Amino acid sequence: MGSFYIIAWADTNNDNKPDLEIGRSELMTAEKAGEWSSWEFSSDHNKIFVGNTWKQTNENIYYDTVKPEGYTGLSSSVYYSRTFEGKPVSVTSPRFTNIKVKFNGSSDKK
């Protein structure tokens, strides 16, 4: 139940923390339980962070602190904001969610 936005941030000052919001999806709402949401965006930034946010402050957040069997994620760290709609600069770990990120195309950047 519920809805969310998929959101992307960039690290523009090379401190390994998100500091610039570079994209936000339209509000995602599932039509049935277990349905996946999808959003595409482009970025020229070297380091990006992808996650989700909500349209109100009282949404529930679900995550696991134990690595799921077969997990092949990029990181077990989750950045978050202590204020609603704030910059996600606080970090906690280990946290695992069901977010998948797929990279398309090629880039000269590393």
N, C-alpha and C. Protein backbone atom coordinates (compact mmCIF):
# COMPACT_ATOMS: atom_id res chain seq x y z
N MET A 1 0.84 -1.18 0.00
CA MET A 1 0.00 0.00 0.00
C MET A 1 0.88 1.24 0.00
N GLY A 2 0.38 2.29 -0.55
CA GLY A 2 1.12 3.54 -0.54
C GLY A 2 1.67 3.90 -1.89
N SER A 3 2.39 4.99 -1.92
CA SER A 3 2.99 5.46 -3.16
C SER A 3 4.30 6.17 -2.82
N PHE A 4 5.13 6.37 -3.84
CA PHE A 4 6.44 6.97 -3.62
C PHE A 4 6.93 7.57 -4.93
N TYR A 5 8.01 8.34 -4.82
CA TYR A 5 8.74 8.85 -5.98
C TYR A 5 10.08 8.16 -6.01
N ILE A 6 10.56 7.79 -7.20
CA ILE A 6 11.95 7.36 -7.35
C ILE A 6 12.75 8.65 -7.54
N ILE A 7 13.88 8.74 -6.86
CA ILE A 7 14.62 9.99 -6.86
C ILE A 7 16.10 9.72 -7.11
N ALA A 8 16.76 10.64 -7.79
CA ALA A 8 18.20 10.51 -8.06
C ALA A 8 18.91 11.76 -7.59
N TRP A 9 20.06 11.54 -6.97
CA TRP A 9 20.92 12.62 -6.48
C TRP A 9 22.32 12.41 -7.04
N ALA A 10 23.09 13.47 -7.10
CA ALA A 10 24.49 13.40 -7.55
C ALA A 10 25.40 13.91 -6.44
N ASP A 11 26.63 13.44 -6.48
CA ASP A 11 27.70 13.96 -5.61
C ASP A 11 28.51 14.92 -6.47
N THR A 12 28.27 16.22 -6.33
CA THR A 12 28.95 17.21 -7.18
C THR A 12 30.24 17.76 -6.57
N ASN A 13 30.45 17.53 -5.27
CA ASN A 13 31.65 18.08 -4.62
C ASN A 13 32.63 16.98 -4.18
N ASN A 14 32.40 15.75 -4.64
CA ASN A 14 33.31 14.62 -4.40
C ASN A 14 33.54 14.28 -2.93
N ASP A 15 32.50 14.45 -2.09
CA ASP A 15 32.63 14.04 -0.69
C ASP A 15 31.94 12.69 -0.42
N ASN A 16 31.53 12.00 -1.48
CA ASN A 16 30.87 10.69 -1.41
C ASN A 16 29.51 10.74 -0.72
N LYS A 17 28.85 11.90 -0.78
CA LYS A 17 27.50 12.06 -0.25
C LYS A 17 26.64 12.76 -1.30
N PRO A 18 25.36 12.43 -1.36
CA PRO A 18 24.48 13.11 -2.31
C PRO A 18 24.29 14.58 -1.92
N ASP A 19 24.39 15.49 -2.92
CA ASP A 19 24.23 16.90 -2.60
C ASP A 19 23.38 17.67 -3.61
N LEU A 20 23.02 17.06 -4.75
CA LEU A 20 22.21 17.74 -5.75
C LEU A 20 21.16 16.80 -6.29
N GLU A 21 19.88 17.14 -6.10
CA GLU A 21 18.81 16.33 -6.69
C GLU A 21 18.84 16.54 -8.19
N ILE A 22 18.97 15.43 -8.96
CA ILE A 22 19.06 15.53 -10.41
C ILE A 22 17.85 14.95 -11.13
N GLY A 23 16.94 14.32 -10.41
CA GLY A 23 15.74 13.79 -11.05
C GLY A 23 14.78 13.19 -10.05
N ARG A 24 13.49 13.26 -10.42
CA ARG A 24 12.43 12.70 -9.58
C ARG A 24 11.33 12.20 -10.51
N SER A 25 10.89 10.97 -10.29
CA SER A 25 9.82 10.39 -11.10
C SER A 25 8.48 11.03 -10.77
N GLU A 26 7.49 10.70 -11.58
CA GLU A 26 6.12 11.01 -11.20
C GLU A 26 5.77 10.11 -10.02
N LEU A 27 4.70 10.40 -9.32
CA LEU A 27 4.28 9.59 -8.18
C LEU A 27 3.97 8.17 -8.65
N MET A 28 4.59 7.18 -8.01
CA MET A 28 4.40 5.77 -8.36
C MET A 28 3.41 5.14 -7.40
N THR A 29 2.38 4.54 -7.94
CA THR A 29 1.38 3.83 -7.14
C THR A 29 1.08 2.50 -7.81
N ALA A 30 1.26 1.41 -7.09
CA ALA A 30 1.02 0.09 -7.66
C ALA A 30 -0.48 -0.18 -7.81
N GLU A 31 -0.81 -0.92 -8.85
CA GLU A 31 -2.20 -1.33 -9.05
C GLU A 31 -2.48 -2.64 -8.33
N LYS A 32 -1.42 -3.44 -8.08
CA LYS A 32 -1.60 -4.70 -7.35
C LYS A 32 -0.35 -4.98 -6.53
N ALA A 33 -0.48 -5.75 -5.48
CA ALA A 33 0.63 -6.06 -4.59
C ALA A 33 1.75 -6.76 -5.34
N GLY A 34 3.00 -6.38 -5.04
CA GLY A 34 4.16 -6.99 -5.65
C GLY A 34 4.56 -6.42 -7.00
N GLU A 35 3.82 -5.46 -7.50
CA GLU A 35 4.12 -4.86 -8.80
C GLU A 35 5.36 -3.96 -8.71
N TRP A 36 6.21 -3.99 -9.73
CA TRP A 36 7.41 -3.15 -9.79
C TRP A 36 7.09 -1.83 -10.47
N SER A 37 7.77 -0.78 -10.04
CA SER A 37 7.69 0.52 -10.69
C SER A 37 8.99 0.74 -11.45
N SER A 38 8.95 1.58 -12.48
CA SER A 38 10.12 1.81 -13.31
C SER A 38 10.19 3.28 -13.69
N TRP A 39 11.42 3.80 -13.77
CA TRP A 39 11.65 5.20 -14.14
C TRP A 39 13.01 5.31 -14.81
N GLU A 40 13.10 6.08 -15.87
CA GLU A 40 14.36 6.29 -16.57
C GLU A 40 14.78 7.75 -16.48
N PHE A 41 16.09 7.97 -16.37
CA PHE A 41 16.64 9.32 -16.36
C PHE A 41 18.06 9.27 -16.90
N SER A 42 18.58 10.40 -17.27
CA SER A 42 19.95 10.51 -17.76
C SER A 42 20.75 11.43 -16.84
N SER A 43 22.05 11.17 -16.77
CA SER A 43 22.91 12.00 -15.94
C SER A 43 24.32 12.01 -16.51
N ASP A 44 24.97 13.15 -16.43
CA ASP A 44 26.38 13.25 -16.80
C ASP A 44 27.29 13.27 -15.58
N HIS A 45 26.72 13.07 -14.38
CA HIS A 45 27.50 13.09 -13.15
C HIS A 45 28.26 11.78 -12.96
N ASN A 46 29.44 11.88 -12.34
CA ASN A 46 30.28 10.70 -12.11
C ASN A 46 29.73 9.76 -11.06
N LYS A 47 29.09 10.29 -10.02
CA LYS A 47 28.55 9.45 -8.94
C LYS A 47 27.11 9.85 -8.68
N ILE A 48 26.23 8.86 -8.71
CA ILE A 48 24.81 9.11 -8.46
C ILE A 48 24.30 8.20 -7.34
N PHE A 49 23.24 8.63 -6.73
CA PHE A 49 22.54 7.88 -5.68
C PHE A 49 21.08 7.79 -6.11
N VAL A 50 20.51 6.60 -6.05
CA VAL A 50 19.12 6.40 -6.45
C VAL A 50 18.36 5.80 -5.28
N GLY A 51 17.18 6.33 -5.02
CA GLY A 51 16.37 5.83 -3.92
C GLY A 51 14.92 6.23 -4.10
N ASN A 52 14.26 6.42 -2.98
CA ASN A 52 12.85 6.83 -3.05
C ASN A 52 12.53 7.84 -1.96
N THR A 53 11.44 8.55 -2.18
CA THR A 53 10.93 9.52 -1.23
C THR A 53 9.42 9.52 -1.32
N TRP A 54 8.76 10.18 -0.39
CA TRP A 54 7.31 10.14 -0.30
C TRP A 54 6.71 11.52 -0.39
N LYS A 55 5.39 11.58 -0.53
CA LYS A 55 4.73 12.88 -0.65
C LYS A 55 4.25 13.42 0.68
N GLN A 56 4.42 12.67 1.74
CA GLN A 56 4.03 13.14 3.07
C GLN A 56 4.98 12.56 4.11
N THR A 57 4.93 13.07 5.31
CA THR A 57 5.92 12.71 6.33
C THR A 57 5.60 11.44 7.11
N ASN A 58 4.41 10.88 6.98
CA ASN A 58 4.05 9.75 7.83
C ASN A 58 4.04 8.41 7.10
N GLU A 59 4.80 8.28 6.02
CA GLU A 59 4.87 7.02 5.27
C GLU A 59 5.73 6.02 6.03
N ASN A 60 5.40 4.72 5.90
CA ASN A 60 6.21 3.66 6.49
C ASN A 60 7.37 3.33 5.58
N ILE A 61 8.51 2.97 6.16
CA ILE A 61 9.69 2.59 5.42
C ILE A 61 10.02 1.15 5.78
N TYR A 62 10.23 0.31 4.77
CA TYR A 62 10.53 -1.10 5.00
C TYR A 62 11.92 -1.42 4.46
N TYR A 63 12.72 -2.14 5.24
CA TYR A 63 14.05 -2.54 4.83
C TYR A 63 14.44 -3.75 5.66
N ASP A 64 15.51 -4.41 5.24
CA ASP A 64 16.04 -5.55 5.96
C ASP A 64 17.46 -5.21 6.39
N THR A 65 17.87 -5.69 7.57
CA THR A 65 19.23 -5.46 8.04
C THR A 65 20.11 -6.70 7.85
N VAL A 66 19.52 -7.78 7.36
CA VAL A 66 20.26 -9.01 7.08
C VAL A 66 20.32 -9.16 5.57
N LYS A 67 21.51 -9.43 5.05
CA LYS A 67 21.70 -9.56 3.60
C LYS A 67 20.86 -10.71 3.06
N PRO A 68 19.92 -10.41 2.15
CA PRO A 68 19.08 -11.47 1.58
C PRO A 68 19.92 -12.46 0.76
N GLU A 69 19.53 -13.71 0.78
CA GLU A 69 20.22 -14.73 0.00
C GLU A 69 20.22 -14.34 -1.48
N GLY A 70 21.36 -14.41 -2.11
CA GLY A 70 21.47 -14.08 -3.53
C GLY A 70 21.58 -12.60 -3.83
N TYR A 71 21.71 -11.77 -2.78
CA TYR A 71 21.78 -10.33 -2.98
C TYR A 71 23.01 -9.96 -3.80
N THR A 72 22.82 -9.13 -4.82
CA THR A 72 23.93 -8.67 -5.66
C THR A 72 23.92 -7.15 -5.78
N GLY A 73 23.50 -6.47 -4.75
CA GLY A 73 23.38 -5.02 -4.78
C GLY A 73 24.72 -4.31 -4.80
N LEU A 74 24.66 -3.02 -5.04
CA LEU A 74 25.87 -2.20 -5.13
C LEU A 74 26.42 -1.81 -3.77
N SER A 75 25.54 -1.61 -2.78
CA SER A 75 25.98 -1.15 -1.47
C SER A 75 24.94 -1.52 -0.43
N SER A 76 25.37 -1.66 0.80
CA SER A 76 24.42 -1.91 1.89
C SER A 76 24.18 -0.64 2.70
N SER A 77 24.74 0.48 2.26
CA SER A 77 24.54 1.76 2.94
C SER A 77 23.34 2.49 2.36
N VAL A 78 22.56 3.10 3.23
CA VAL A 78 21.40 3.90 2.81
C VAL A 78 21.59 5.31 3.33
N TYR A 79 21.50 6.28 2.44
CA TYR A 79 21.55 7.69 2.82
C TYR A 79 20.13 8.18 3.03
N TYR A 80 19.93 9.00 4.06
CA TYR A 80 18.60 9.51 4.36
C TYR A 80 18.70 10.91 4.95
N SER A 81 17.57 11.57 4.97
CA SER A 81 17.50 12.91 5.55
C SER A 81 16.74 12.84 6.86
N ARG A 82 17.15 13.60 7.83
CA ARG A 82 16.44 13.67 9.11
C ARG A 82 15.26 14.62 9.05
N THR A 83 15.13 15.36 7.93
CA THR A 83 13.99 16.26 7.74
C THR A 83 13.28 15.88 6.45
N PHE A 84 11.97 16.03 6.42
CA PHE A 84 11.20 15.70 5.23
C PHE A 84 11.62 16.59 4.06
N GLU A 85 11.89 15.97 2.92
CA GLU A 85 12.35 16.65 1.70
C GLU A 85 13.74 17.26 1.85
N GLY A 86 14.48 16.86 2.88
CA GLY A 86 15.83 17.38 3.07
C GLY A 86 16.87 16.63 2.26
N LYS A 87 18.08 17.11 2.29
CA LYS A 87 19.20 16.48 1.60
C LYS A 87 19.58 15.19 2.34
N PRO A 88 19.70 14.07 1.63
CA PRO A 88 20.00 12.79 2.29
C PRO A 88 21.50 12.64 2.59
N VAL A 89 21.96 13.20 3.70
CA VAL A 89 23.38 13.16 4.03
C VAL A 89 23.70 12.28 5.24
N SER A 90 22.70 11.82 5.97
CA SER A 90 22.94 10.86 7.05
C SER A 90 23.00 9.47 6.43
N VAL A 91 23.80 8.58 7.01
CA VAL A 91 23.96 7.25 6.42
C VAL A 91 23.82 6.19 7.51
N THR A 92 23.26 5.05 7.13
CA THR A 92 23.14 3.90 8.03
C THR A 92 23.44 2.64 7.23
N SER A 93 23.91 1.62 7.93
CA SER A 93 24.27 0.38 7.27
C SER A 93 24.33 -0.73 8.31
N PRO A 94 24.02 -1.96 8.00
CA PRO A 94 23.54 -2.42 6.71
C PRO A 94 22.03 -2.24 6.57
N ARG A 95 21.61 -1.83 5.40
CA ARG A 95 20.20 -1.73 5.05
C ARG A 95 20.05 -2.25 3.62
N PHE A 96 19.05 -3.07 3.40
CA PHE A 96 18.80 -3.65 2.09
C PHE A 96 17.36 -3.39 1.69
N THR A 97 17.16 -2.92 0.47
CA THR A 97 15.82 -2.67 -0.05
C THR A 97 15.67 -3.38 -1.39
N ASN A 98 14.50 -3.29 -1.97
CA ASN A 98 14.25 -3.96 -3.25
C ASN A 98 14.37 -3.00 -4.43
N ILE A 99 15.29 -2.08 -4.38
CA ILE A 99 15.54 -1.15 -5.49
C ILE A 99 16.57 -1.78 -6.42
N LYS A 100 16.27 -1.76 -7.72
CA LYS A 100 17.21 -2.23 -8.74
C LYS A 100 17.60 -1.04 -9.60
N VAL A 101 18.87 -0.98 -9.99
CA VAL A 101 19.36 0.08 -10.87
C VAL A 101 19.99 -0.59 -12.08
N LYS A 102 19.61 -0.13 -13.27
CA LYS A 102 20.15 -0.67 -14.51
C LYS A 102 20.78 0.48 -15.29
N PHE A 103 22.01 0.29 -15.75
CA PHE A 103 22.72 1.30 -16.52
C PHE A 103 22.62 0.96 -18.00
N ASN A 104 22.21 1.92 -18.81
CA ASN A 104 22.12 1.74 -20.25
C ASN A 104 23.11 2.66 -20.94
N GLY A 105 23.53 2.28 -22.12
CA GLY A 105 24.40 3.14 -22.89
C GLY A 105 25.84 3.04 -22.43
N SER A 106 26.66 3.91 -22.99
CA SER A 106 28.08 3.92 -22.63
C SER A 106 28.46 5.31 -22.15
N SER A 107 29.57 5.38 -21.47
CA SER A 107 30.05 6.65 -20.94
C SER A 107 31.56 6.66 -20.93
N ASP A 108 32.14 7.82 -21.14
CA ASP A 108 33.58 7.98 -21.04
C ASP A 108 34.02 8.16 -19.60
N LYS A 109 33.06 8.42 -18.71
CA LYS A 109 33.37 8.69 -17.30
C LYS A 109 33.53 7.39 -16.54
N LYS A 110 34.31 7.43 -15.48
CA LYS A 110 34.53 6.24 -14.65
C LYS A 110 34.00 6.48 -13.26
